[in-house]
């Protein structure tokens, strides 16, 4: 397993976490509250958390080939919700073995 953590600074971090979780709840198993969430993507689990002004997403995938797919899945949906802020991608850290 391999994982990567990405961050996005926004005063709407909690709102975006909830929007992501509500969206994916139509497709897969999800649990969340205002400050944390779990999404069961087919590529692997995603953990979401927020601070006052930051959204933190940790994606886990079975291998290095599946990891970019998981990152893209979160980025493309967040881009829809945060388009007014000019969101393009989370600031992803280099992958590490999980």
PDB file of N, CA and C in Angstrom:
ATOM      1  N   UNK A   1       0.842  -1.181   0.000  1.00  0.00           N
ATOM      2  CA  UNK A   1       0.000   0.000   0.000  1.00  0.00           C
ATOM      3  C   UNK A   1       0.888   1.245   0.000  1.00  0.00           C
ATOM      4  N   UNK A   2       0.369   2.271  -0.620  1.00  0.00           N
ATOM      5  CA  UNK A   2       1.084   3.537  -0.703  1.00  0.00           C
ATOM      6  C   UNK A   2       0.080   4.661  -0.421  1.00  0.00           C
ATOM      7  N   UNK A   3       0.558   5.733   0.190  1.00  0.00           N
ATOM      8  CA  UNK A   3      -0.369   6.831   0.507  1.00  0.00           C
ATOM      9  C   UNK A   3       0.296   8.177   0.291  1.00  0.00           C
ATOM     10  N   UNK A   4      -0.572   9.177   0.140  1.00  0.00           N
ATOM     11  CA  UNK A   4      -0.119  10.548  -0.030  1.00  0.00           C
ATOM     12  C   UNK A   4      -1.132  11.466   0.640  1.00  0.00           C
ATOM     13  N   UNK A   5      -0.631  12.561   1.184  1.00  0.00           N
ATOM     14  CA  UNK A   5      -1.488  13.543   1.840  1.00  0.00           C
ATOM     15  C   UNK A   5      -1.416  14.854   1.073  1.00  0.00           C
ATOM     16  N   UNK A   6      -2.578  15.432   0.860  1.00  0.00           N
ATOM     17  CA  UNK A   6      -2.668  16.718   0.179  1.00  0.00           C
ATOM     18  C   UNK A   6      -3.414  17.717   1.038  1.00  0.00           C
ATOM     19  N   UNK A   7      -3.068  18.985   0.890  1.00  0.00           N
ATOM     20  CA  UNK A   7      -3.715  20.034   1.677  1.00  0.00           C
ATOM     21  C   UNK A   7      -4.215  21.149   0.769  1.00  0.00           C
ATOM     22  N   UNK A   8      -5.238  21.839   1.267  1.00  0.00           N
ATOM     23  CA  UNK A   8      -5.777  23.009   0.578  1.00  0.00           C
ATOM     24  C   UNK A   8      -6.214  24.000   1.642  1.00  0.00           C
ATOM     25  N   UNK A   9      -5.705  25.215   1.561  1.00  0.00           N
ATOM     26  CA  UNK A   9      -6.043  26.250   2.535  1.00  0.00           C
ATOM     27  C   UNK A   9      -7.246  27.043   2.044  1.00  0.00           C
ATOM     28  N   UNK A  10      -8.284  27.072   2.889  1.00  0.00           N
ATOM     29  CA  UNK A  10      -9.507  27.798   2.563  1.00  0.00           C
ATOM     30  C   UNK A  10     -10.325  27.994   3.831  1.00  0.00           C
ATOM     31  N   UNK A  11     -10.980  29.138   3.974  1.00  0.00           N
ATOM     32  CA  UNK A  11     -11.879  29.319   5.116  1.00  0.00           C
ATOM     33  C   UNK A  11     -13.114  28.415   5.015  1.00  0.00           C
ATOM     34  N   UNK A  12     -13.308  27.787   3.853  1.00  0.00           N
ATOM     35  CA  UNK A  12     -14.452  26.893   3.638  1.00  0.00           C
ATOM     36  C   UNK A  12     -14.055  25.415   3.718  1.00  0.00           C
ATOM     37  N   UNK A  13     -12.956  25.106   4.383  1.00  0.00           N
ATOM     38  CA  UNK A  13     -12.447  23.736   4.438  1.00  0.00           C
ATOM     39  C   UNK A  13     -13.499  22.744   4.929  1.00  0.00           C
ATOM     40  N   UNK A  14     -14.179  23.067   6.011  1.00  0.00           N
ATOM     41  CA  UNK A  14     -15.192  22.162   6.552  1.00  0.00           C
ATOM     42  C   UNK A  14     -16.349  21.976   5.570  1.00  0.00           C
ATOM     43  N   UNK A  15     -16.745  23.040   4.918  1.00  0.00           N
ATOM     44  CA  UNK A  15     -17.821  22.957   3.924  1.00  0.00           C
ATOM     45  C   UNK A  15     -17.423  22.023   2.786  1.00  0.00           C
ATOM     46  N   UNK A  16     -16.187  22.149   2.304  1.00  0.00           N
ATOM     47  CA  UNK A  16     -15.727  21.300   1.205  1.00  0.00           C
ATOM     48  C   UNK A  16     -15.631  19.840   1.632  1.00  0.00           C
ATOM     49  N   UNK A  17     -15.174  19.582   2.844  1.00  0.00           N
ATOM     50  CA  UNK A  17     -15.124  18.215   3.355  1.00  0.00           C
ATOM     51  C   UNK A  17     -16.522  17.608   3.312  1.00  0.00           C
ATOM     52  N   UNK A  18     -17.496  18.334   3.811  1.00  0.00           N
ATOM     53  CA  UNK A  18     -18.864  17.826   3.844  1.00  0.00           C
ATOM     54  C   UNK A  18     -19.441  17.639   2.442  1.00  0.00           C
ATOM     55  N   UNK A  19     -19.139  18.554   1.530  1.00  0.00           N
ATOM     56  CA  UNK A  19     -19.621  18.419   0.154  1.00  0.00           C
ATOM     57  C   UNK A  19     -19.019  17.192  -0.515  1.00  0.00           C
ATOM     58  N   UNK A  20     -17.717  16.980  -0.335  1.00  0.00           N
ATOM     59  CA  UNK A  20     -17.079  15.795  -0.905  1.00  0.00           C
ATOM     60  C   UNK A  20     -17.726  14.525  -0.371  1.00  0.00           C
ATOM     61  N   UNK A  21     -17.904  14.459   0.935  1.00  0.00           N
ATOM     62  CA  UNK A  21     -18.469  13.255   1.544  1.00  0.00           C
ATOM     63  C   UNK A  21     -19.909  13.024   1.101  1.00  0.00           C
ATOM     64  N   UNK A  22     -20.710  14.064   1.056  1.00  0.00           N
ATOM     65  CA  UNK A  22     -22.100  13.919   0.613  1.00  0.00           C
ATOM     66  C   UNK A  22     -22.160  13.458  -0.839  1.00  0.00           C
ATOM     67  N   UNK A  23     -21.271  13.989  -1.664  1.00  0.00           N
ATOM     68  CA  UNK A  23     -21.236  13.585  -3.068  1.00  0.00           C
ATOM     69  C   UNK A  23     -20.896  12.101  -3.196  1.00  0.00           C
ATOM     70  N   UNK A  24     -19.825  11.674  -2.538  1.00  0.00           N
ATOM     71  CA  UNK A  24     -19.401  10.284  -2.660  1.00  0.00           C
ATOM     72  C   UNK A  24     -20.351   9.320  -1.960  1.00  0.00           C
ATOM     73  N   UNK A  25     -21.158   9.798  -1.023  1.00  0.00           N
ATOM     74  CA  UNK A  25     -22.112   8.934  -0.320  1.00  0.00           C
ATOM     75  C   UNK A  25     -23.149   8.350  -1.278  1.00  0.00           C
ATOM     76  N   UNK A  26     -23.337   8.977  -2.430  1.00  0.00           N
ATOM     77  CA  UNK A  26     -24.263   8.446  -3.426  1.00  0.00           C
ATOM     78  C   UNK A  26     -23.660   7.256  -4.167  1.00  0.00           C
ATOM     79  N   UNK A  27     -22.348   7.056  -4.021  1.00  0.00           N
ATOM     80  CA  UNK A  27     -21.646   6.046  -4.805  1.00  0.00           C
ATOM     81  C   UNK A  27     -20.974   4.959  -3.970  1.00  0.00           C
ATOM     82  N   UNK A  28     -20.614   5.292  -2.722  1.00  0.00           N
ATOM     83  CA  UNK A  28     -19.813   4.366  -1.928  1.00  0.00           C
ATOM     84  C   UNK A  28     -20.049   4.613  -0.442  1.00  0.00           C
ATOM     85  N   UNK A  29     -19.404   3.812   0.376  1.00  0.00           N
ATOM     86  CA  UNK A  29     -19.533   3.956   1.825  1.00  0.00           C
ATOM     87  C   UNK A  29     -18.752   5.179   2.305  1.00  0.00           C
ATOM     88  N   UNK A  30     -19.426   6.007   3.110  1.00  0.00           N
ATOM     89  CA  UNK A  30     -18.849   7.257   3.605  1.00  0.00           C
ATOM     90  C   UNK A  30     -19.295   7.468   5.043  1.00  0.00           C
ATOM     91  N   UNK A  31     -18.408   8.032   5.852  1.00  0.00           N
ATOM     92  CA  UNK A  31     -18.803   8.518   7.181  1.00  0.00           C
ATOM     93  C   UNK A  31     -18.115   9.862   7.378  1.00  0.00           C
ATOM     94  N   UNK A  32     -18.826  10.799   8.032  1.00  0.00           N
ATOM     95  CA  UNK A  32     -18.224  12.120   8.212  1.00  0.00           C
ATOM     96  C   UNK A  32     -18.984  12.936   9.237  1.00  0.00           C
ATOM     97  N   UNK A  33     -18.297  13.956   9.730  1.00  0.00           N
ATOM     98  CA  UNK A  33     -18.909  15.020  10.510  1.00  0.00           C
ATOM     99  C   UNK A  33     -18.297  16.321   9.997  1.00  0.00           C
ATOM    100  N   UNK A  34     -18.382  17.391  10.751  1.00  0.00           N
ATOM    101  CA  UNK A  34     -17.903  18.677  10.236  1.00  0.00           C
ATOM    102  C   UNK A  34     -16.384  18.791  10.164  1.00  0.00           C
ATOM    103  N   UNK A  35     -15.654  17.896  10.849  1.00  0.00           N
ATOM    104  CA  UNK A  35     -14.194  18.029  10.906  1.00  0.00           C
ATOM    105  C   UNK A  35     -13.410  16.822  10.405  1.00  0.00           C
ATOM    106  N   UNK A  36     -14.095  15.730  10.084  1.00  0.00           N
ATOM    107  CA  UNK A  36     -13.380  14.562   9.570  1.00  0.00           C
ATOM    108  C   UNK A  36     -14.312  13.711   8.723  1.00  0.00           C
ATOM    109  N   UNK A  37     -13.709  12.944   7.828  1.00  0.00           N
ATOM    110  CA  UNK A  37     -14.510  12.080   6.976  1.00  0.00           C
ATOM    111  C   UNK A  37     -13.700  10.913   6.454  1.00  0.00           C
ATOM    112  N   UNK A  38     -14.397   9.864   6.070  1.00  0.00           N
ATOM    113  CA  UNK A  38     -13.804   8.666   5.487  1.00  0.00           C
ATOM    114  C   UNK A  38     -14.608   8.321   4.240  1.00  0.00           C
ATOM    115  N   UNK A  39     -13.905   8.084   3.139  1.00  0.00           N
ATOM    116  CA  UNK A  39     -14.545   7.705   1.885  1.00  0.00           C
ATOM    117  C   UNK A  39     -13.886   6.424   1.401  1.00  0.00           C
ATOM    118  N   UNK A  40     -14.701   5.431   1.039  1.00  0.00           N
ATOM    119  CA  UNK A  40     -14.177   4.158   0.546  1.00  0.00           C
ATOM    120  C   UNK A  40     -14.177   4.173  -0.983  1.00  0.00           C
ATOM    121  N   UNK A  41     -13.137   4.768  -1.576  1.00  0.00           N
ATOM    122  CA  UNK A  41     -13.010   4.747  -3.035  1.00  0.00           C
ATOM    123  C   UNK A  41     -12.602   3.353  -3.480  1.00  0.00           C
ATOM    124  N   UNK A  42     -12.873   3.015  -4.740  1.00  0.00           N
ATOM    125  CA  UNK A  42     -12.464   1.698  -5.228  1.00  0.00           C
ATOM    126  C   UNK A  42     -10.951   1.575  -5.310  1.00  0.00           C
ATOM    127  N   UNK A  43     -10.247   2.695  -5.415  1.00  0.00           N
ATOM    128  CA  UNK A  43      -8.782   2.669  -5.439  1.00  0.00           C
ATOM    129  C   UNK A  43      -8.180   2.554  -4.044  1.00  0.00           C
ATOM    130  N   UNK A  44      -9.002   2.774  -3.004  1.00  0.00           N
ATOM    131  CA  UNK A  44      -8.522   2.699  -1.623  1.00  0.00           C
ATOM    132  C   UNK A  44      -9.184   3.754  -0.764  1.00  0.00           C
ATOM    133  N   UNK A  45      -8.967   3.677   0.532  1.00  0.00           N
ATOM    134  CA  UNK A  45      -9.626   4.610   1.446  1.00  0.00           C
ATOM    135  C   UNK A  45      -9.055   6.028   1.369  1.00  0.00           C
ATOM    136  N   UNK A  46      -9.935   6.987   1.633  1.00  0.00           N
ATOM    137  CA  UNK A  46      -9.557   8.394   1.718  1.00  0.00           C
ATOM    138  C   UNK A  46      -9.975   8.894   3.091  1.00  0.00           C
ATOM    139  N   UNK A  47      -9.045   9.523   3.800  1.00  0.00           N
ATOM    140  CA  UNK A  47      -9.345  10.158   5.081  1.00  0.00           C
ATOM    141  C   UNK A  47      -9.281  11.660   4.882  1.00  0.00           C
ATOM    142  N   UNK A  48     -10.304  12.352   5.352  1.00  0.00           N
ATOM    143  CA  UNK A  48     -10.359  13.806   5.258  1.00  0.00           C
ATOM    144  C   UNK A  48     -10.403  14.395   6.658  1.00  0.00           C
ATOM    145  N   UNK A  49      -9.766  15.532   6.824  1.00  0.00           N
ATOM    146  CA  UNK A  49      -9.803  16.250   8.099  1.00  0.00           C
ATOM    147  C   UNK A  49      -9.701  17.738   7.796  1.00  0.00           C
ATOM    148  N   UNK A  50     -10.143  18.543   8.761  1.00  0.00           N
ATOM    149  CA  UNK A  50     -10.025  19.985   8.601  1.00  0.00           C
ATOM    150  C   UNK A  50      -9.439  20.609   9.853  1.00  0.00           C
ATOM    151  N   UNK A  51      -8.769  21.724   9.637  1.00  0.00           N
ATOM    152  CA  UNK A  51      -8.395  22.620  10.720  1.00  0.00           C
ATOM    153  C   UNK A  51      -9.237  23.872  10.488  1.00  0.00           C
ATOM    154  N   UNK A  52      -8.937  24.940  11.157  1.00  0.00           N
ATOM    155  CA  UNK A  52      -9.710  26.167  10.984  1.00  0.00           C
ATOM    156  C   UNK A  52      -9.800  26.591   9.527  1.00  0.00           C
ATOM    157  N   UNK A  53      -8.695  26.472   8.796  1.00  0.00           N
ATOM    158  CA  UNK A  53      -8.685  26.949   7.412  1.00  0.00           C
ATOM    159  C   UNK A  53      -7.967  26.004   6.454  1.00  0.00           C
ATOM    160  N   UNK A  54      -7.941  24.723   6.769  1.00  0.00           N
ATOM    161  CA  UNK A  54      -7.227  23.799   5.897  1.00  0.00           C
ATOM    162  C   UNK A  54      -7.974  22.474   5.769  1.00  0.00           C
ATOM    163  N   UNK A  55      -8.075  21.997   4.533  1.00  0.00           N
ATOM    164  CA  UNK A  55      -8.598  20.674   4.240  1.00  0.00           C
ATOM    165  C   UNK A  55      -7.406  19.758   4.018  1.00  0.00           C
ATOM    166  N   UNK A  56      -7.409  18.617   4.681  1.00  0.00           N
ATOM    167  CA  UNK A  56      -6.313  17.655   4.585  1.00  0.00           C
ATOM    168  C   UNK A  56      -6.901  16.336   4.100  1.00  0.00           C
ATOM    169  N   UNK A  57      -6.399  15.829   2.984  1.00  0.00           N
ATOM    170  CA  UNK A  57      -6.876  14.566   2.421  1.00  0.00           C
ATOM    171  C   UNK A  57      -5.715  13.587   2.353  1.00  0.00           C
ATOM    172  N   UNK A  58      -5.920  12.391   2.873  1.00  0.00           N
ATOM    173  CA  UNK A  58      -4.926  11.331   2.774  1.00  0.00           C
ATOM    174  C   UNK A  58      -5.541  10.194   1.974  1.00  0.00           C
ATOM    175  N   UNK A  59      -4.948   9.904   0.819  1.00  0.00           N
ATOM    176  CA  UNK A  59      -5.430   8.817  -0.029  1.00  0.00           C
ATOM    177  C   UNK A  59      -4.470   7.645   0.082  1.00  0.00           C
ATOM    178  N   UNK A  60      -5.034   6.451   0.106  1.00  0.00           N
ATOM    179  CA  UNK A  60      -4.247   5.226   0.172  1.00  0.00           C
ATOM    180  C   UNK A  60      -4.629   4.369  -1.020  1.00  0.00           C
ATOM    181  N   UNK A  61      -3.630   3.795  -1.674  1.00  0.00           N
ATOM    182  CA  UNK A  61      -3.865   2.970  -2.853  1.00  0.00           C
ATOM    183  C   UNK A  61      -2.994   1.716  -2.767  1.00  0.00           C
ATOM    184  N   UNK A  62      -3.355   0.686  -3.517  1.00  0.00           N
ATOM    185  CA  UNK A  62      -2.579  -0.549  -3.447  1.00  0.00           C
ATOM    186  C   UNK A  62      -1.176  -0.438  -4.043  1.00  0.00           C
ATOM    187  N   UNK A  63      -0.989   0.497  -4.988  1.00  0.00           N
ATOM    188  CA  UNK A  63       0.324   0.628  -5.621  1.00  0.00           C
ATOM    189  C   UNK A  63       0.497   2.035  -6.195  1.00  0.00           C
ATOM    190  N   UNK A  64       1.700   2.292  -6.691  1.00  0.00           N
ATOM    191  CA  UNK A  64       2.040   3.623  -7.202  1.00  0.00           C
ATOM    192  C   UNK A  64       1.251   3.988  -8.458  1.00  0.00           C
ATOM    193  N   UNK A  65       0.743   3.003  -9.182  1.00  0.00           N
ATOM    194  CA  UNK A  65      -0.041   3.299 -10.377  1.00  0.00           C
ATOM    195  C   UNK A  65      -1.456   3.747 -10.032  1.00  0.00           C
ATOM    196  N   UNK A  66      -2.018   3.225  -8.954  1.00  0.00           N
ATOM    197  CA  UNK A  66      -3.390   3.571  -8.561  1.00  0.00           C
ATOM    198  C   UNK A  66      -3.453   4.885  -7.778  1.00  0.00           C
ATOM    199  N   UNK A  67      -2.353   5.291  -7.164  1.00  0.00           N
ATOM    200  CA  UNK A  67      -2.362   6.493  -6.325  1.00  0.00           C
ATOM    201  C   UNK A  67      -2.759   7.756  -7.098  1.00  0.00           C
ATOM    202  N   UNK A  68      -2.196   8.025  -8.269  1.00  0.00           N
ATOM    203  CA  UNK A  68      -2.609   9.230  -8.999  1.00  0.00           C
ATOM    204  C   UNK A  68      -4.097   9.227  -9.359  1.00  0.00           C
ATOM    205  N   UNK A  69      -4.672   8.051  -9.580  1.00  0.00           N
ATOM    206  CA  UNK A  69      -6.105   7.962  -9.862  1.00  0.00           C
ATOM    207  C   UNK A  69      -6.910   8.426  -8.658  1.00  0.00           C
ATOM    208  N   UNK A  70      -6.503   7.992  -7.470  1.00  0.00           N
ATOM    209  CA  UNK A  70      -7.198   8.386  -6.242  1.00  0.00           C
ATOM    210  C   UNK A  70      -7.050   9.890  -6.005  1.00  0.00           C
ATOM    211  N   UNK A  71      -5.852  10.407  -6.198  1.00  0.00           N
ATOM    212  CA  UNK A  71      -5.630  11.844  -6.036  1.00  0.00           C
ATOM    213  C   UNK A  71      -6.493  12.635  -7.017  1.00  0.00           C
ATOM    214  N   UNK A  72      -6.523  12.183  -8.256  1.00  0.00           N
ATOM    215  CA  UNK A  72      -7.309  12.869  -9.283  1.00  0.00           C
ATOM    216  C   UNK A  72      -8.799  12.849  -8.946  1.00  0.00           C
ATOM    217  N   UNK A  73      -9.269  11.746  -8.411  1.00  0.00           N
ATOM    218  CA  UNK A  73     -10.684  11.631  -8.047  1.00  0.00           C
ATOM    219  C   UNK A  73     -11.077  12.701  -7.026  1.00  0.00           C
ATOM    220  N   UNK A  74     -10.235  12.923  -6.032  1.00  0.00           N
ATOM    221  CA  UNK A  74     -10.504  13.958  -5.029  1.00  0.00           C
ATOM    222  C   UNK A  74     -10.347  15.348  -5.657  1.00  0.00           C
ATOM    223  N   UNK A  75      -9.268  15.556  -6.386  1.00  0.00           N
ATOM    224  CA  UNK A  75      -9.022  16.868  -7.008  1.00  0.00           C
ATOM    225  C   UNK A  75     -10.150  17.293  -7.947  1.00  0.00           C
ATOM    226  N   UNK A  76     -10.603  16.381  -8.804  1.00  0.00           N
ATOM    227  CA  UNK A  76     -11.599  16.782  -9.803  1.00  0.00           C
ATOM    228  C   UNK A  76     -12.934  17.135  -9.156  1.00  0.00           C
ATOM    229  N   UNK A  77     -13.300  16.438  -8.081  1.00  0.00           N
ATOM    230  CA  UNK A  77     -14.556  16.774  -7.413  1.00  0.00           C
ATOM    231  C   UNK A  77     -14.414  18.048  -6.580  1.00  0.00           C
ATOM    232  N   UNK A  78     -13.284  18.211  -5.933  1.00  0.00           N
ATOM    233  CA  UNK A  78     -13.073  19.435  -5.159  1.00  0.00           C
ATOM    234  C   UNK A  78     -13.031  20.656  -6.084  1.00  0.00           C
ATOM    235  N   UNK A  79     -12.520  20.478  -7.291  1.00  0.00           N
ATOM    236  CA  UNK A  79     -12.479  21.579  -8.258  1.00  0.00           C
ATOM    237  C   UNK A  79     -13.881  22.085  -8.585  1.00  0.00           C
ATOM    238  N   UNK A  80     -14.849  21.202  -8.576  1.00  0.00           N
ATOM    239  CA  UNK A  80     -16.237  21.611  -8.829  1.00  0.00           C
ATOM    240  C   UNK A  80     -16.749  22.470  -7.677  1.00  0.00           C
ATOM    241  N   UNK A  81     -16.486  22.016  -6.453  1.00  0.00           N
ATOM    242  CA  UNK A  81     -17.004  22.716  -5.279  1.00  0.00           C
ATOM    243  C   UNK A  81     -16.256  24.020  -4.989  1.00  0.00           C
ATOM    244  N   UNK A  82     -14.968  24.063  -5.273  1.00  0.00           N
ATOM    245  CA  UNK A  82     -14.136  25.223  -4.912  1.00  0.00           C
ATOM    246  C   UNK A  82     -13.734  26.059  -6.127  1.00  0.00           C
ATOM    247  N   UNK A  83     -14.469  25.955  -7.208  1.00  0.00           N
ATOM    248  CA  UNK A  83     -14.083  26.674  -8.430  1.00  0.00           C
ATOM    249  C   UNK A  83     -14.050  28.189  -8.244  1.00  0.00           C
ATOM    250  N   UNK A  84     -14.894  28.722  -7.377  1.00  0.00           N
ATOM    251  CA  UNK A  84     -14.901  30.183  -7.167  1.00  0.00           C
ATOM    252  C   UNK A  84     -13.614  30.672  -6.506  1.00  0.00           C
ATOM    253  N   UNK A  85     -12.930  29.775  -5.826  1.00  0.00           N
ATOM    254  CA  UNK A  85     -11.656  30.135  -5.187  1.00  0.00           C
ATOM    255  C   UNK A  85     -10.468  29.873  -6.113  1.00  0.00           C
ATOM    256  N   UNK A  86     -10.742  29.391  -7.310  1.00  0.00           N
ATOM    257  CA  UNK A  86      -9.663  29.117  -8.248  1.00  0.00           C
ATOM    258  C   UNK A  86      -8.908  27.834  -7.945  1.00  0.00           C
ATOM    259  N   UNK A  87      -9.555  26.897  -7.246  1.00  0.00           N
ATOM    260  CA  UNK A  87      -8.898  25.631  -6.905  1.00  0.00           C
ATOM    261  C   UNK A  87      -8.477  24.891  -8.164  1.00  0.00           C
ATOM    262  N   UNK A  88      -7.261  24.320  -8.118  1.00  0.00           N
ATOM    263  CA  UNK A  88      -6.780  23.475  -9.203  1.00  0.00           C
ATOM    264  C   UNK A  88      -6.435  22.081  -8.710  1.00  0.00           C
ATOM    265  N   UNK A  89      -5.664  21.995  -7.630  1.00  0.00           N
ATOM    266  CA  UNK A  89      -5.270  20.700  -7.085  1.00  0.00           C
ATOM    267  C   UNK A  89      -4.850  20.867  -5.633  1.00  0.00           C
ATOM    268  N   UNK A  90      -4.977  19.802  -4.872  1.00  0.00           N
ATOM    269  CA  UNK A  90      -4.427  19.809  -3.524  1.00  0.00           C
ATOM    270  C   UNK A  90      -2.904  19.860  -3.630  1.00  0.00           C
ATOM    271  N   UNK A  91      -2.247  20.361  -2.610  1.00  0.00           N
ATOM    272  CA  UNK A  91      -0.779  20.345  -2.551  1.00  0.00           C
ATOM    273  C   UNK A  91      -0.385  18.968  -2.024  1.00  0.00           C
ATOM    274  N   UNK A  92      -0.160  18.034  -2.950  1.00  0.00           N
ATOM    275  CA  UNK A  92       0.125  16.647  -2.586  1.00  0.00           C
ATOM    276  C   UNK A  92       1.579  16.475  -2.183  1.00  0.00           C
ATOM    277  N   UNK A  93       1.800  15.737  -1.110  1.00  0.00           N
ATOM    278  CA  UNK A  93       3.150  15.386  -0.673  1.00  0.00           C
ATOM    279  C   UNK A  93       3.597  14.140  -1.425  1.00  0.00           C
ATOM    280  N   UNK A  94       4.896  13.896  -1.419  1.00  0.00           N
ATOM    281  CA  UNK A  94       5.414  12.695  -2.050  1.00  0.00           C
ATOM    282  C   UNK A  94       4.833  11.461  -1.373  1.00  0.00           C
ATOM    283  N   UNK A  95       4.531  10.417  -2.151  1.00  0.00           N
ATOM    284  CA  UNK A  95       3.949   9.202  -1.581  1.00  0.00           C
ATOM    285  C   UNK A  95       4.909   8.493  -0.625  1.00  0.00           C
ATOM    286  N   UNK A  96       4.315   7.802   0.345  1.00  0.00           N
ATOM    287  CA  UNK A  96       5.074   6.975   1.286  1.00  0.00           C
ATOM    288  C   UNK A  96       4.396   5.619   1.387  1.00  0.00           C
ATOM    289  N   UNK A  97       5.155   4.620   1.779  1.00  0.00           N
ATOM    290  CA  UNK A  97       4.582   3.296   1.994  1.00  0.00           C
ATOM    291  C   UNK A  97       3.654   3.332   3.197  1.00  0.00           C
ATOM    292  N   UNK A  98       2.493   2.721   3.056  1.00  0.00           N
ATOM    293  CA  UNK A  98       1.509   2.705   4.157  1.00  0.00           C
ATOM    294  C   UNK A  98       1.674   1.450   4.991  1.00  0.00           C
TER     295      UNK A  98
END
